[in-house]
Every structure is written in structure tokens, then in C-alpha cells.
């Protein structure tokens, strides 16, 4: 699936919820299902700067596609990174670097986060795109 197809799928899923309590529960559930990052990557090098909570992100290139794993010490943040991984993991480096992540605004995520969590979301997106740029430059 393309990045936009996955985003459209997420927008459809979030439209099923009548209120933000249901959406938060869904985000938390996504975080619980996130495949955990290997312990060796839970270090300073993989820590995303700018997040209120601790978020570790690892990326590797496999067959011309980038694969992400992550973890966080905060349950909502873990769900947010799970959403981002769902959209961007398994995509080509250039597609990740150029991605317009419109689903964030369309589901109302940014406006329902505290300022610090919203800043953290921006930092997560920026870091994932930086991995895309770095792997694309190596190609």
C-alpha cells in the first residue's frame, strides 16, 4: 500500500469514533500492539529529541524500503508513533522524505494533543523523514 492509501485507511478508521475518548482509547490500543524495539536501540542515539516522553526510534533499510521500530515510556506517545510507523514503515526512503502526512490534521490529532505532545509529534515526524533523507542520500 502507498503512504496515501494507508493514511486514507486511518482517516476512515478514526471517522468511526463519535468522540475523542474513543479515539484516545484506539490510539492507546495501537500503542499496546506496537512491536517493540530491540533493547540495544533504547539508547541516547535513538532517542528522539523534542519529545516530553522518551521515544526511541530505529530505522533500517531492507530491499530498498525503510523499516521502523520504536518504543516510548508514555502510552499515548507509543500509540502516536505506532500510527506513524504504520504509515511510513515499509516505504521507500524518498517517499518517506517527501511524504505529506495529511492524516494528522484530518483526524484532528494535533489539535487534541497538549502543546508538548504536539511538539513531540512534530519531532517524531521530522526524525522519520530525516531517516528517509539519509537512506535516500546513501542510495
Protein backbone atom coordinates (compact mmCIF):
# COMPACT_ATOMS: atom_id res chain seq x y z
CA UNK A 1 0.00 0.00 0.00
CA UNK A 2 1.12 3.54 -0.66
CA UNK A 3 1.57 6.14 2.08
CA UNK A 4 -1.60 7.94 0.98
CA UNK A 5 -3.66 4.72 0.87
CA UNK A 6 -2.61 3.92 4.44
CA UNK A 7 -3.41 7.47 5.55
CA UNK A 8 -6.87 7.25 3.96
CA UNK A 9 -7.45 3.96 5.77
CA UNK A 10 -6.53 5.59 9.11
CA UNK A 11 -8.84 8.55 8.39
CA UNK A 12 -11.69 6.09 7.72
CA UNK A 13 -10.97 4.21 10.96
CA UNK A 14 -10.97 7.40 13.03
CA UNK A 15 -14.24 8.55 11.44
CA UNK A 16 -15.98 5.60 13.13
CA UNK A 17 -15.49 7.18 16.56
CA UNK A 18 -18.02 9.70 17.80
CA UNK A 19 -15.77 11.42 20.30
CA UNK A 20 -12.14 11.85 21.25
CA UNK A 21 -12.32 9.48 24.20
CA UNK A 22 -12.88 6.64 21.76
CA UNK A 23 -10.06 7.89 19.55
CA UNK A 24 -7.68 8.09 22.52
CA UNK A 25 -8.58 4.53 23.50
CA UNK A 26 -7.89 3.42 19.94
CA UNK A 27 -4.50 5.20 19.93
CA UNK A 28 -3.63 3.54 23.26
CA UNK A 29 -4.63 0.16 21.84
CA UNK A 30 -2.38 0.74 18.80
CA UNK A 31 0.49 1.51 21.17
CA UNK A 32 -0.06 -1.75 23.03
CA UNK A 33 0.21 -3.66 19.74
CA UNK A 34 3.39 -1.88 18.61
CA UNK A 35 6.18 -4.41 18.04
CA UNK A 36 8.86 -3.39 20.49
CA UNK A 37 12.21 -2.02 19.50
CA UNK A 38 15.18 -4.21 20.38
CA UNK A 39 16.71 -3.26 23.73
CA UNK A 40 20.03 -2.38 22.09
CA UNK A 41 18.32 0.56 20.36
CA UNK A 42 16.89 2.02 23.56
CA UNK A 43 19.84 4.36 23.96
CA UNK A 44 20.65 8.08 23.60
CA UNK A 45 21.48 7.70 19.90
CA UNK A 46 17.95 6.51 19.10
CA UNK A 47 16.12 8.87 21.45
CA UNK A 48 14.00 11.48 19.64
CA UNK A 49 14.86 14.97 20.83
CA UNK A 50 11.95 17.33 21.43
CA UNK A 51 9.55 14.84 22.97
CA UNK A 52 8.26 15.27 26.51
CA UNK A 53 8.25 11.49 26.92
CA UNK A 54 11.06 9.18 25.92
CA UNK A 55 10.66 7.87 22.39
CA UNK A 56 13.22 5.59 20.80
CA UNK A 57 13.18 5.09 17.04
CA UNK A 58 15.28 2.75 14.94
CA UNK A 59 15.29 2.52 11.16
CA UNK A 60 16.95 0.10 8.79
CA UNK A 61 16.88 -0.39 5.06
CA UNK A 62 15.70 -3.71 3.69
CA UNK A 63 15.28 -4.33 -0.04
CA UNK A 64 15.05 -0.62 -0.90
CA UNK A 65 12.43 0.01 1.81
CA UNK A 66 12.81 1.51 5.28
CA UNK A 67 11.60 -0.43 8.28
CA UNK A 68 10.96 1.35 11.60
CA UNK A 69 10.69 0.06 15.16
CA UNK A 70 10.03 2.20 18.21
CA UNK A 71 9.05 2.35 21.85
CA UNK A 72 8.01 5.01 24.34
CA UNK A 73 7.61 5.29 28.08
CA UNK A 74 4.21 7.01 27.62
CA UNK A 75 1.16 5.09 26.40
CA UNK A 76 -0.38 7.85 24.21
CA UNK A 77 3.01 8.64 22.67
CA UNK A 78 3.51 4.95 21.97
CA UNK A 79 0.20 4.94 20.08
CA UNK A 80 1.17 8.03 18.09
CA UNK A 81 4.49 6.53 17.00
CA UNK A 82 2.60 3.32 16.14
CA UNK A 83 0.40 5.35 13.75
CA UNK A 84 3.45 6.96 12.15
CA UNK A 85 5.17 3.60 11.77
CA UNK A 86 2.04 2.15 10.19
CA UNK A 87 2.10 4.91 7.58
CA UNK A 88 5.84 5.11 6.88
CA UNK A 89 7.41 1.72 7.63
CA UNK A 90 7.93 -0.45 4.57
CA UNK A 91 8.04 2.56 2.23
CA UNK A 92 10.89 3.79 0.02
CA UNK A 93 13.29 6.32 1.53
CA UNK A 94 12.41 9.07 -0.95
CA UNK A 95 8.67 8.54 -0.40
CA UNK A 96 9.17 8.87 3.37
CA UNK A 97 11.26 12.03 3.00
CA UNK A 98 8.65 13.63 0.69
CA UNK A 99 5.52 12.37 2.47
CA UNK A 100 2.68 14.78 3.19
CA UNK A 101 1.23 13.35 6.39
CA UNK A 102 -2.22 14.87 5.96
CA UNK A 103 -3.92 12.25 8.13
CA UNK A 104 -2.63 14.02 11.28
CA UNK A 105 -4.75 17.10 10.54
CA UNK A 106 -7.68 15.19 9.06
CA UNK A 107 -8.22 13.06 12.16
CA UNK A 108 -7.70 16.12 14.39
CA UNK A 109 -4.76 14.59 16.23
CA UNK A 110 -2.64 17.72 16.62
CA UNK A 111 -5.48 19.83 17.98
CA UNK A 112 -6.34 17.20 20.60
CA UNK A 113 -2.82 16.94 21.99
CA UNK A 114 -1.21 19.13 24.61
CA UNK A 115 1.35 21.62 23.27
CA UNK A 116 4.26 19.47 24.47
CA UNK A 117 2.81 16.29 22.90
CA UNK A 118 2.12 18.20 19.70
CA UNK A 119 5.76 19.33 19.64
CA UNK A 120 6.77 15.72 20.22
CA UNK A 121 4.64 14.60 17.27
CA UNK A 122 6.43 17.11 15.04
CA UNK A 123 9.78 15.81 16.32
CA UNK A 124 8.79 12.19 15.57
CA UNK A 125 7.73 13.07 12.01
CA UNK A 126 10.90 15.10 11.48
CA UNK A 127 13.13 12.24 12.69
CA UNK A 128 11.40 9.68 10.47
CA UNK A 129 11.74 11.97 7.45
CA UNK A 130 15.42 12.54 8.32
CA UNK A 131 15.96 8.77 8.21
CA UNK A 132 14.28 8.79 4.79
CA UNK A 133 16.58 11.56 3.58
CA UNK A 134 19.68 9.85 5.00
CA UNK A 135 18.90 6.47 3.41
CA UNK A 136 17.94 8.18 0.13
CA UNK A 137 21.28 10.05 0.08
CA UNK A 138 23.16 6.77 0.57
CA UNK A 139 21.44 5.22 -2.46
